Amino acid sequence: MIEPSVPVLPCGIPPPAPRRSTARFIVLGIVFICAACGLVYELELVALASYLIGDSVTQASVVLSVMVFAMGIGSLLAKRLRLRAAVGFGVIEAALALVGGCSAMVLYATFAWFGGARYALVAFSLAIGVLIGAEIPLLMTLIQRVSRQDPGGTVADLFAADYVGALVGGLAFPFLLLPLLGQLTGALLTGAVNAVAGGALVLWLFRRDLTRRARWWLFAANVLVLAILATTTALVGDFEQAARRAVYGGQVRVAVQTGVQEIVLTGSRTGHGPGGPLDLFLDGRLRVSGRDEYRYHSALVRPAMDSGPHGRVLVLGGGDGLAAREVLRYPGVTSVTLVELDAGVVELARHDPALSALNGHAYDDRRVVPVVADAFGWLRGPGRATGPYDVVISDLPDPGITPSTKLYSEEFFGLAARVLAPGGRIVVHAGPVATRERTYWTVESTVRAAGLRTVPYRATGRLTGFTAGPDRASGSTAPHDWGFVLACASAAPAAPLPPELEPLAYARPRVDPPPSTLVHPRYTG
């Protein structure tokens, strides 16, 4: 067997293979870091846009499609920089660190002070996509200068490091950055890591490819970017307070970011007097207004409770305790099981002075048993063994909000029907009828598709005096109503509706919309 020959330099000194190997390893490490940072920017845009604008499917589609398109443009533009790959890569990384790091703060600022963030979302998706797309061609040029592999092997190594980095960034965002640092600080820290990694690669490993002037300019640019990111990070707290005041008004008392959502309480600690009545916002949507919540919860609870036995009650959602308050007004109630996804809402409903006073200290009643769980998973699992229930109250977010879609599916209502006692009733909050008629009737059609007989009804401003319903945007002046669907497995509930509620059977569309299912959701944001 013939051993491969090893090139030898004069005086018997072997070639500097270890140095080339180390340089190649460093370049692949920087590829890994840049890929992780790039995916964090992408996920941060999707998450913040879903929170600020709503309809996470649409926002994710916009960000991903625009960004992938822009990456193609960036790859083409990078061809002109290949002859000066080191300088080009250094400039691109500094720009990407600044744009990506500050993107969350600028996006939130446009939403808070200008009322919308769609144009800013598209602009950042384009800019970040172009810069990310320009990275790979330049890194390919740089790694070929320090690698002895054939081009095919170099491409394989480069993309392997890129994909593994994307995996790490994708996991770090929801499990590390978001819960520990939040969206704004997490994005700024990612930008700083990006700037340090890109600057170190060019100014150290490829410093001989740069003129003295170029080295100083790149060094100054990276120092400036890091200074901007550090200063902005120090001001994040003040910025968030100012932005919250712009969005929610000047009476923000509580702002908590749980593992599920952001919870904001406004108004006075007592719910009256200076500061006004309590308002509860979940991810920027007004879910409870102390001015009119009792009308909503009365309209939700009374028809189901008045229509038959109501000893055992299941409340799905309603962690604020307000639906439970209405249920507990009825004599004969023996137990109220309340299934809420966010433990933070339950804690505030227990201990916040204004919210606990508003819900009548419902959680102090021994009959109320809170369960922190996803309603769908609970009904499918442990909830099956807890029934049957005389009344099931679905006090869940609006069906047009994408994360709520599965909670308005035929499968979900089928699971809820399984825990009903004979003659039991289920009532569903189905969103406004006047402004989103098709969505409302899709909910009603979906409840019927689960084998239940329905009584559609609503509470309107004409009858009760209020002008807006839950899940409305802050400051909205459009007229709203509250739509509900009351249903029973055996026969339609026979008890008459209270006079302040309006039956909607007469308004049923000629052609019922098809029901919504898990694999074919039919609600729009």
Protein backbone atom coordinates (compact mmCIF):
# COMPACT_ATOMS: atom_id res chain seq x y z
CA MET A 1 0.00 0.00 0.00
CA ILE A 2 1.40 3.38 -0.98
CA GLU A 3 1.09 6.06 1.66
CA PRO A 4 0.09 9.52 0.43
CA SER A 5 2.96 11.91 0.23
CA VAL A 6 3.01 14.89 2.59
CA PRO A 7 4.34 18.16 1.19
CA VAL A 8 7.40 19.41 3.01
CA LEU A 9 8.61 22.97 3.22
CA PRO A 10 12.33 23.81 3.04
CA CYS A 11 14.40 22.61 6.05
CA GLY A 12 11.91 19.77 6.57
CA ILE A 13 9.19 22.00 8.11
CA PRO A 14 5.66 20.63 7.39
CA PRO A 15 3.02 22.98 6.04
CA PRO A 16 0.91 24.89 8.57
CA ALA A 17 -2.08 22.50 8.31
CA PRO A 18 -3.13 22.94 11.95
CA ARG A 19 -3.37 26.71 11.43
CA ARG A 20 -5.55 26.22 8.37
CA SER A 21 -7.67 23.73 10.24
CA THR A 22 -8.07 26.14 13.15
CA ALA A 23 -8.99 29.00 10.82
CA ARG A 24 -11.55 26.83 9.06
CA PHE A 25 -13.04 25.85 12.43
CA ILE A 26 -13.26 29.52 13.45
CA VAL A 27 -15.06 30.46 10.22
CA LEU A 28 -17.57 27.63 10.69
CA GLY A 29 -18.09 28.74 14.28
CA ILE A 30 -18.90 32.27 13.09
CA VAL A 31 -21.30 30.78 10.51
CA PHE A 32 -22.99 28.94 13.40
CA ILE A 33 -23.34 32.13 15.48
CA CYS A 34 -24.57 34.26 12.57
CA ALA A 35 -27.18 31.66 11.63
CA ALA A 36 -28.44 31.52 15.22
CA CYS A 37 -28.67 35.33 15.36
CA GLY A 38 -30.45 35.48 12.00
CA LEU A 39 -33.15 33.04 13.08
CA VAL A 40 -33.65 34.91 16.35
CA TYR A 41 -34.30 38.10 14.36
CA GLU A 42 -36.79 36.21 12.21
CA LEU A 43 -38.67 34.67 15.15
CA GLU A 44 -38.65 37.94 17.03
CA LEU A 45 -40.37 39.68 14.10
CA VAL A 46 -42.98 36.91 13.86
CA ALA A 47 -43.68 36.90 17.61
CA LEU A 48 -43.89 40.66 18.00
CA ALA A 49 -46.01 41.08 14.86
CA SER A 50 -48.42 38.40 16.06
CA TYR A 51 -48.73 40.17 19.40
CA LEU A 52 -49.10 43.69 17.98
CA ILE A 53 -51.09 42.98 14.82
CA GLY A 54 -52.75 39.62 15.55
CA ASP A 55 -53.43 36.60 13.31
CA SER A 56 -50.13 34.79 13.80
CA VAL A 57 -50.54 32.69 10.64
CA THR A 58 -50.72 35.77 8.43
CA GLN A 59 -47.85 37.54 10.17
CA ALA A 60 -45.61 34.46 10.04
CA SER A 61 -46.39 34.05 6.35
CA VAL A 62 -45.57 37.70 5.62
CA VAL A 63 -42.29 37.66 7.54
CA LEU A 64 -41.07 34.34 6.18
CA SER A 65 -42.01 34.92 2.55
CA VAL A 66 -40.64 38.47 2.45
CA MET A 67 -37.46 37.46 4.24
CA VAL A 68 -36.74 34.46 1.97
CA PHE A 69 -37.35 36.64 -1.08
CA ALA A 70 -35.01 39.29 0.30
CA MET A 71 -32.35 36.66 1.04
CA GLY A 72 -32.28 35.86 -2.67
CA ILE A 73 -31.76 39.53 -3.47
CA GLY A 74 -28.99 39.74 -0.89
CA SER A 75 -27.20 36.74 -2.39
CA LEU A 76 -27.22 38.39 -5.81
CA LEU A 77 -25.98 41.71 -4.44
CA ALA A 78 -23.15 39.95 -2.58
CA LYS A 79 -21.61 38.87 -5.90
CA ARG A 80 -20.24 42.39 -6.30
CA LEU A 81 -18.48 42.17 -2.94
CA ARG A 82 -16.67 38.87 -3.44
CA LEU A 83 -13.42 40.54 -4.47
CA ARG A 84 -13.46 42.39 -1.14
CA ALA A 85 -15.19 39.67 0.84
CA ALA A 86 -13.63 40.50 4.23
CA VAL A 87 -14.58 44.18 4.13
CA GLY A 88 -18.02 43.36 2.75
CA PHE A 89 -18.72 40.77 5.42
CA GLY A 90 -17.60 43.12 8.18
CA VAL A 91 -19.89 45.91 6.97
CA ILE A 92 -22.84 43.55 6.50
CA GLU A 93 -22.51 42.07 9.99
CA ALA A 94 -22.32 45.50 11.60
CA ALA A 95 -25.42 46.60 9.70
CA LEU A 96 -27.27 43.37 10.49
CA ALA A 97 -26.44 43.66 14.19
CA LEU A 98 -27.79 47.21 14.30
CA VAL A 99 -30.92 46.60 12.20
CA GLY A 100 -31.79 43.23 13.73
CA GLY A 101 -30.98 44.27 17.28
CA CYS A 102 -33.12 47.42 17.14
CA SER A 103 -35.95 45.92 15.04
CA ALA A 104 -38.15 44.89 17.98
CA MET A 105 -37.92 48.29 19.65
CA VAL A 106 -38.66 50.21 16.45
CA LEU A 107 -41.56 47.89 15.61
CA TYR A 108 -43.06 48.38 19.07
CA ALA A 109 -42.52 52.15 18.86
CA THR A 110 -44.38 52.44 15.53
CA PHE A 111 -47.26 50.47 17.02
CA ALA A 112 -47.38 52.51 20.23
CA TRP A 113 -47.09 56.01 18.77
CA PHE A 114 -48.37 55.61 15.21
CA GLY A 115 -51.05 52.97 15.73
CA GLY A 116 -49.75 50.37 13.26
CA ALA A 117 -46.71 48.26 12.53
CA ARG A 118 -47.41 46.52 9.21
CA TYR A 119 -45.17 48.72 7.06
CA ALA A 120 -42.36 48.57 9.60
CA LEU A 121 -42.71 44.78 9.70
CA VAL A 122 -42.29 44.47 5.94
CA ALA A 123 -39.39 46.94 5.90
CA PHE A 124 -37.46 45.07 8.60
CA SER A 125 -38.20 41.71 6.97
CA LEU A 126 -36.74 43.03 3.72
CA ALA A 127 -33.70 44.65 5.29
CA ILE A 128 -32.80 41.71 7.52
CA GLY A 129 -33.43 39.25 4.71
CA VAL A 130 -31.12 41.10 2.31
CA LEU A 131 -28.32 41.23 4.89
CA ILE A 132 -28.69 37.54 5.86
CA GLY A 133 -28.76 36.54 2.20
CA ALA A 134 -25.47 38.33 1.57
CA GLU A 135 -23.69 36.44 4.37
CA ILE A 136 -23.36 32.98 2.79
CA PRO A 137 -21.69 33.97 -0.52
CA LEU A 138 -19.12 36.08 1.33
CA LEU A 139 -18.50 33.40 3.95
CA MET A 140 -18.04 30.89 1.13
CA THR A 141 -15.33 33.09 -0.35
CA LEU A 142 -13.63 33.54 3.02
CA ILE A 143 -13.68 29.89 4.00
CA GLN A 144 -12.18 28.85 0.68
CA ARG A 145 -9.13 30.96 1.54
CA VAL A 146 -8.43 28.89 4.67
CA SER A 147 -9.76 25.48 3.64
CA ARG A 148 -8.10 22.80 1.52
CA GLN A 149 -11.33 20.92 0.91
CA ASP A 150 -12.91 20.61 -2.48
CA PRO A 151 -15.75 23.10 -3.12
CA GLY A 152 -18.40 20.42 -2.52
CA GLY A 153 -17.03 19.59 0.93
CA THR A 154 -16.73 23.28 1.80
CA VAL A 155 -20.37 23.90 0.84
CA ALA A 156 -21.48 20.91 2.92
CA ASP A 157 -19.57 22.14 6.00
CA LEU A 158 -20.85 25.67 5.58
CA PHE A 159 -24.49 24.70 5.30
CA ALA A 160 -24.18 22.17 8.14
CA ALA A 161 -22.91 24.91 10.46
CA ASP A 162 -25.63 27.24 9.18
CA TYR A 163 -28.45 24.76 9.81
CA VAL A 164 -27.20 23.73 13.25
CA GLY A 165 -26.88 27.39 14.21
CA ALA A 166 -30.44 27.99 13.04
CA LEU A 167 -31.59 25.11 15.25
CA VAL A 168 -29.85 26.56 18.30
CA GLY A 169 -31.22 30.05 17.61
CA GLY A 170 -34.72 28.68 17.06
CA LEU A 171 -34.66 26.87 20.40
CA ALA A 172 -32.93 29.65 22.31
CA PHE A 173 -35.56 32.24 21.38
CA PRO A 174 -38.66 30.68 23.04
CA PHE A 175 -36.89 28.82 25.86
CA LEU A 176 -34.14 31.23 26.86
CA LEU A 177 -34.25 34.74 25.38
CA LEU A 178 -37.99 35.39 25.49
CA PRO A 179 -38.72 34.19 29.06
CA LEU A 180 -35.51 35.56 30.61
CA LEU A 181 -34.94 38.81 28.72
CA GLY A 182 -38.14 39.62 26.83
CA GLN A 183 -38.43 40.55 23.18
CA LEU A 184 -36.72 43.93 23.27
CA THR A 185 -33.67 43.08 25.39
CA GLY A 186 -33.38 39.66 23.73
CA ALA A 187 -33.14 41.23 20.28
CA LEU A 188 -30.61 43.82 21.45
CA LEU A 189 -28.40 41.16 23.06
CA THR A 190 -28.58 39.08 19.88
CA GLY A 191 -27.42 42.10 17.90
CA ALA A 192 -24.45 42.56 20.23
CA VAL A 193 -23.41 38.91 19.84
CA ASN A 194 -23.78 39.27 16.08
CA ALA A 195 -21.57 42.39 16.00
CA VAL A 196 -18.85 40.83 18.16
CA ALA A 197 -18.75 37.61 16.12
CA GLY A 198 -18.65 39.31 12.72
CA GLY A 199 -16.18 41.98 13.79
CA ALA A 200 -13.83 39.48 15.46
CA LEU A 201 -13.70 37.26 12.38
CA VAL A 202 -12.76 40.06 10.01
CA LEU A 203 -10.55 42.17 12.27
CA TRP A 204 -8.57 39.22 13.59
CA LEU A 205 -8.56 36.26 11.21
CA PHE A 206 -8.71 38.25 7.96
CA ARG A 207 -7.06 41.47 9.12
CA ARG A 208 -4.34 41.14 6.45
CA ASP A 209 -7.03 41.38 3.76
CA LEU A 210 -7.83 44.87 4.98
CA THR A 211 -6.01 48.12 4.56
CA ARG A 212 -5.08 50.00 7.72
CA ARG A 213 -7.82 52.52 6.99
CA ALA A 214 -10.43 49.80 6.43
CA ARG A 215 -9.48 48.13 9.71
CA TRP A 216 -9.97 51.37 11.64
CA TRP A 217 -13.26 52.13 9.93
CA LEU A 218 -14.63 48.63 10.65
CA PHE A 219 -13.41 48.79 14.24
CA ALA A 220 -15.07 52.18 14.73
CA ALA A 221 -18.29 50.97 13.09
CA ASN A 222 -18.50 47.93 15.39
CA VAL A 223 -17.75 50.00 18.48
CA LEU A 224 -20.48 52.44 17.46
CA VAL A 225 -22.99 49.63 16.89
CA LEU A 226 -22.18 48.07 20.26
CA ALA A 227 -22.47 51.47 21.96
CA ILE A 228 -25.89 52.06 20.40
CA LEU A 229 -27.09 48.59 21.40
CA ALA A 230 -25.75 48.97 24.96
CA THR A 231 -27.31 52.42 25.39
CA THR A 232 -30.62 51.20 24.00
CA THR A 233 -30.56 48.21 26.34
CA ALA A 234 -30.08 50.52 29.31
CA LEU A 235 -33.13 52.53 28.21
CA VAL A 236 -35.42 49.53 27.58
CA GLY A 237 -37.23 49.92 30.91
CA ASP A 238 -38.04 53.60 30.38
CA PHE A 239 -39.00 52.93 26.77
CA GLU A 240 -41.43 50.14 27.74
CA GLN A 241 -43.11 52.37 30.32
CA ALA A 242 -43.50 55.21 27.82
CA ALA A 243 -44.80 52.85 25.13
CA ARG A 244 -47.30 51.27 27.52
CA ARG A 245 -48.59 54.72 28.46
CA ALA A 246 -49.01 55.50 24.76
CA VAL A 247 -50.91 52.24 24.17
CA TYR A 248 -52.91 51.83 27.38
CA GLY A 249 -53.07 55.34 28.78
CA GLY A 250 -51.43 56.80 31.84
CA GLN A 251 -52.95 54.50 34.47
CA VAL A 252 -50.95 51.29 33.93
CA ARG A 253 -50.75 49.61 37.34
CA VAL A 254 -49.57 46.11 36.46
CA ALA A 255 -47.63 44.86 33.45
CA VAL A 256 -46.61 41.20 33.63
CA GLN A 257 -45.11 39.03 30.90
CA THR A 258 -46.03 35.44 31.73
CA GLY A 259 -45.02 32.37 29.79
CA VAL A 260 -48.28 32.70 27.86
CA GLN A 261 -48.96 36.40 27.25
CA GLU A 262 -48.53 39.95 28.47
CA ILE A 263 -51.05 40.99 31.12
CA VAL A 264 -51.72 44.68 31.72
CA LEU A 265 -54.06 46.16 34.30
CA THR A 266 -55.04 49.82 34.19
CA GLY A 267 -57.19 51.97 36.43
CA SER A 268 -57.10 52.56 40.17
CA ARG A 269 -56.26 49.91 42.76
CA THR A 270 -59.80 50.07 44.06
CA GLY A 271 -61.52 50.05 40.65
CA HIS A 272 -63.10 53.46 41.19
CA GLY A 273 -62.10 57.00 42.05
CA PRO A 274 -58.94 58.57 40.58
CA GLY A 275 -57.64 56.37 37.78
CA GLY A 276 -61.07 55.09 36.82
CA PRO A 277 -62.43 51.53 36.60
CA LEU A 278 -60.23 48.53 35.94
CA ASP A 279 -59.32 47.44 32.42
CA LEU A 280 -57.60 44.10 31.75
CA PHE A 281 -55.55 43.70 28.56
CA LEU A 282 -54.16 40.38 27.34
CA ASP A 283 -51.50 40.73 24.63
CA GLY A 284 -52.75 44.22 23.84
CA ARG A 285 -56.44 43.25 23.54
CA LEU A 286 -58.97 44.61 25.97
CA ARG A 287 -60.55 41.53 27.56
CA VAL A 288 -62.27 43.09 30.57
CA SER A 289 -63.59 46.60 31.02
CA GLY A 290 -64.85 47.51 34.47
CA ARG A 291 -67.36 49.82 32.81
CA ASP A 292 -69.43 47.10 31.15
CA GLU A 293 -68.01 43.64 31.94
CA TYR A 294 -71.01 42.72 34.12
CA ARG A 295 -73.29 43.01 31.09
CA TYR A 296 -71.09 40.67 29.08
CA HIS A 297 -70.75 38.08 31.84
CA SER A 298 -74.43 38.24 32.71
CA ALA A 299 -75.32 37.67 29.05
CA LEU A 300 -72.87 34.77 28.90
CA VAL A 301 -73.93 32.98 32.07
CA ARG A 302 -77.63 33.62 32.73
CA PRO A 303 -79.28 31.83 29.77
CA ALA A 304 -77.36 28.61 30.42
CA MET A 305 -77.89 28.70 34.18
CA ASP A 306 -81.61 29.54 33.89
CA SER A 307 -82.37 26.68 31.48
CA GLY A 308 -82.13 23.74 33.89
CA PRO A 309 -80.10 22.13 36.66
CA HIS A 310 -76.86 23.90 37.40
CA GLY A 311 -75.25 22.13 40.33
CA ARG A 312 -71.93 21.32 38.64
CA VAL A 313 -70.46 23.98 36.33
CA LEU A 314 -67.36 23.95 34.12
CA VAL A 315 -65.84 27.29 33.03
CA LEU A 316 -63.35 27.09 30.15
CA GLY A 317 -61.15 30.18 30.23
CA GLY A 318 -62.43 32.96 32.45
CA GLY A 319 -59.33 33.06 34.63
CA ASP A 320 -60.33 36.58 35.70
CA GLY A 321 -63.03 34.95 37.87
CA LEU A 322 -65.84 37.12 36.52
CA ALA A 323 -67.86 34.30 34.93
CA ALA A 324 -67.41 32.30 38.14
CA ARG A 325 -68.78 35.30 40.07
CA GLU A 326 -71.99 35.18 38.02
CA VAL A 327 -72.28 31.41 38.45
CA LEU A 328 -71.91 31.65 42.22
CA ARG A 329 -74.90 34.00 42.42
CA TYR A 330 -77.17 30.99 41.76
CA PRO A 331 -78.40 28.85 44.64
CA GLY A 332 -77.77 25.15 44.26
CA VAL A 333 -74.30 25.45 42.72
CA THR A 334 -72.14 22.76 44.31
CA SER A 335 -68.90 23.05 42.32
CA VAL A 336 -67.27 25.30 39.72
CA THR A 337 -64.27 23.88 37.85
CA LEU A 338 -62.36 26.66 36.11
CA VAL A 339 -59.79 25.72 33.44
CA GLU A 340 -57.41 28.58 32.63
CA LEU A 341 -54.25 28.38 30.52
CA ASP A 342 -52.34 31.21 32.21
CA ALA A 343 -51.54 30.86 35.91
CA GLY A 344 -50.62 34.57 35.93
CA VAL A 345 -54.23 35.56 35.24
CA VAL A 346 -55.43 33.38 38.11
CA GLU A 347 -52.87 34.90 40.49
CA LEU A 348 -53.90 38.43 39.60
CA ALA A 349 -57.58 37.54 39.93
CA ARG A 350 -56.85 36.20 43.42
CA HIS A 351 -54.60 38.94 44.77
CA ASP A 352 -54.99 42.19 42.79
CA PRO A 353 -57.24 44.45 44.91
CA ALA A 354 -59.31 45.85 42.04
CA LEU A 355 -59.67 42.61 40.06
CA SER A 356 -60.44 40.44 43.11
CA ALA A 357 -63.03 43.00 44.23
CA LEU A 358 -64.54 43.00 40.73
CA ASN A 359 -64.88 39.21 40.68
CA GLY A 360 -66.40 39.20 44.17
CA HIS A 361 -63.41 37.28 45.56
CA ALA A 362 -64.66 34.24 43.67
CA TYR A 363 -61.45 32.30 44.26
CA ASP A 364 -62.02 32.47 48.02
CA ASP A 365 -65.12 30.31 47.57
CA ARG A 366 -64.30 26.66 48.26
CA ARG A 367 -66.62 25.53 45.49
CA VAL A 368 -64.29 27.10 42.88
CA VAL A 369 -61.54 24.71 41.79
CA PRO A 370 -59.03 26.36 39.40
CA VAL A 371 -57.09 24.14 36.98
CA VAL A 372 -54.14 25.59 35.07
CA ALA A 373 -54.23 23.76 31.74
CA ASP A 374 -54.99 24.13 28.05
CA ALA A 375 -58.76 23.64 27.74
CA PHE A 376 -58.48 21.41 24.67
CA GLY A 377 -55.87 19.12 26.22
CA TRP A 378 -57.70 19.03 29.55
CA LEU A 379 -61.02 17.99 27.97
CA ARG A 380 -59.21 15.35 25.96
CA GLY A 381 -57.32 14.02 28.99
CA PRO A 382 -58.02 14.42 32.71
CA GLY A 383 -61.22 16.40 32.18
CA ARG A 384 -63.03 13.37 30.81
CA ALA A 385 -63.06 11.81 34.27
CA THR A 386 -64.34 14.90 36.11
CA GLY A 387 -67.79 15.18 34.52
CA PRO A 388 -70.62 15.17 33.98
CA TYR A 389 -71.40 18.89 34.19
CA ASP A 390 -74.79 20.53 34.10
CA VAL A 391 -73.40 23.69 32.49
CA VAL A 392 -70.25 24.30 30.44
CA ILE A 393 -69.34 27.99 29.93
CA SER A 394 -66.82 28.76 27.19
CA ASP A 395 -65.39 32.17 28.12
CA LEU A 396 -62.48 32.09 25.68
CA PRO A 397 -60.76 34.72 23.49
CA ASP A 398 -62.30 35.79 20.22
CA PRO A 399 -62.41 33.02 17.56
CA GLY A 400 -60.69 35.32 15.06
CA ILE A 401 -57.46 35.21 17.09
CA THR A 402 -55.34 32.46 15.57
CA PRO A 403 -54.23 30.77 18.84
CA SER A 404 -57.93 30.41 19.75
CA THR A 405 -58.94 28.69 16.52
CA LYS A 406 -58.67 25.15 17.91
CA LEU A 407 -60.91 26.19 20.83
CA TYR A 408 -63.67 26.94 18.32
CA SER A 409 -63.32 23.76 16.27
CA GLU A 410 -65.80 20.94 15.82
CA GLU A 411 -63.40 18.65 17.66
CA PHE A 412 -63.31 20.98 20.69
CA PHE A 413 -67.06 21.29 20.94
CA GLY A 414 -67.32 17.53 20.58
CA LEU A 415 -65.01 17.11 23.56
CA ALA A 416 -67.06 19.61 25.57
CA ALA A 417 -70.30 17.78 24.66
CA ARG A 418 -68.87 14.54 26.08
CA VAL A 419 -68.67 15.97 29.60
CA LEU A 420 -72.25 17.31 29.60
CA ALA A 421 -74.80 15.66 31.87
CA PRO A 422 -78.13 14.60 30.33
CA GLY A 423 -79.95 17.84 29.66
CA GLY A 424 -76.75 19.82 30.23
CA ARG A 425 -76.07 23.06 28.36
CA ILE A 426 -73.02 24.69 26.86
CA VAL A 427 -72.74 28.39 26.11
CA VAL A 428 -70.04 29.85 23.85
CA HIS A 429 -68.82 33.41 23.44
CA ALA A 430 -68.70 33.70 19.64
CA GLY A 431 -67.53 37.27 18.95
CA PRO A 432 -69.39 40.29 17.60
CA VAL A 433 -72.27 39.67 15.19
CA ALA A 434 -72.59 43.13 13.67
CA THR A 435 -68.99 43.49 12.50
CA ARG A 436 -68.03 39.83 11.96
CA GLU A 437 -71.24 38.12 11.01
CA ARG A 438 -69.68 35.24 9.07
CA THR A 439 -67.33 34.37 11.93
CA TYR A 440 -70.24 34.28 14.37
CA TRP A 441 -72.35 31.99 12.20
CA THR A 442 -69.34 29.77 11.57
CA VAL A 443 -69.10 29.26 15.34
CA GLU A 444 -72.80 28.44 15.47
CA SER A 445 -72.50 26.02 12.54
CA THR A 446 -69.51 24.36 14.18
CA VAL A 447 -71.39 23.85 17.46
CA ARG A 448 -74.23 22.20 15.54
CA ALA A 449 -71.77 20.01 13.63
CA ALA A 450 -70.64 18.64 17.02
CA GLY A 451 -74.16 17.23 17.52
CA LEU A 452 -75.66 20.02 19.61
CA ARG A 453 -78.88 21.95 19.14
CA THR A 454 -78.35 25.68 19.30
CA VAL A 455 -80.01 28.93 20.32
CA PRO A 456 -78.04 31.88 18.87
CA TYR A 457 -78.42 35.20 20.67
CA ARG A 458 -76.62 38.46 21.32
CA ALA A 459 -76.44 41.45 23.62
CA THR A 460 -76.35 44.77 21.81
CA GLY A 461 -75.65 48.39 22.65
CA ARG A 462 -79.24 49.20 21.65
CA LEU A 463 -80.51 47.05 24.48
CA THR A 464 -77.85 47.49 27.16
CA GLY A 465 -76.09 50.76 26.47
CA PHE A 466 -72.53 49.59 25.85
CA THR A 467 -70.67 50.21 22.62
CA ALA A 468 -67.84 47.70 22.54
CA GLY A 469 -67.14 44.05 23.34
CA PRO A 470 -64.20 41.99 24.57
CA ASP A 471 -61.09 41.60 22.45
CA ARG A 472 -61.57 45.05 20.95
CA ALA A 473 -58.51 47.11 20.10
CA SER A 474 -57.62 49.86 22.51
CA GLY A 475 -59.39 53.07 21.60
CA SER A 476 -61.71 51.47 19.06
CA THR A 477 -64.86 53.49 18.42
CA ALA A 478 -66.57 51.04 16.05
CA PRO A 479 -69.94 49.79 17.35
CA HIS A 480 -69.86 46.22 18.65
CA ASP A 481 -72.17 43.69 20.17
CA TRP A 482 -71.56 40.42 21.97
CA GLY A 483 -72.66 37.23 20.25
CA PHE A 484 -73.27 33.91 22.03
CA VAL A 485 -74.42 30.40 21.19
CA LEU A 486 -76.40 28.39 23.75
CA ALA A 487 -76.60 24.66 22.99
CA CYS A 488 -77.83 21.35 24.40
CA ALA A 489 -77.28 17.75 23.32
CA SER A 490 -80.91 16.59 23.60
CA ALA A 491 -83.18 19.50 22.69
CA ALA A 492 -82.75 23.23 22.34
CA PRO A 493 -82.96 24.93 25.75
CA ALA A 494 -86.53 25.98 26.37
CA ALA A 495 -86.08 28.75 28.95
CA PRO A 496 -86.85 32.20 27.51
CA LEU A 497 -83.97 34.61 27.09
CA PRO A 498 -83.81 37.59 29.45
CA PRO A 499 -85.41 40.68 27.92
CA GLU A 500 -82.07 42.46 27.42
CA LEU A 501 -80.86 39.70 25.07
CA GLU A 502 -81.88 39.34 21.43
CA PRO A 503 -82.48 35.93 19.77
CA LEU A 504 -80.85 35.56 16.39
CA ALA A 505 -82.65 32.62 14.80
CA TYR A 506 -84.42 35.04 12.46
CA ALA A 507 -81.05 36.31 11.21
CA ARG A 508 -79.66 32.89 10.31
CA PRO A 509 -78.03 32.99 6.84
CA ARG A 510 -79.74 31.16 4.00
CA VAL A 511 -76.69 28.98 3.50
CA ASP A 512 -74.93 27.96 6.67
CA PRO A 513 -71.15 28.39 6.56
CA PRO A 514 -69.25 25.12 6.83
CA PRO A 515 -67.98 24.17 10.29
CA SER A 516 -64.42 24.84 11.35
CA THR A 517 -62.17 21.87 12.13
CA LEU A 518 -58.59 21.43 13.27
CA VAL A 519 -57.39 20.61 9.77
CA HIS A 520 -59.58 23.19 8.06
CA PRO A 521 -59.96 26.30 10.25
CA ARG A 522 -62.43 28.76 8.78
CA TYR A 523 -62.07 31.79 11.02
CA THR A 524 -60.24 34.87 9.81
CA GLY A 525 -58.34 37.38 11.94
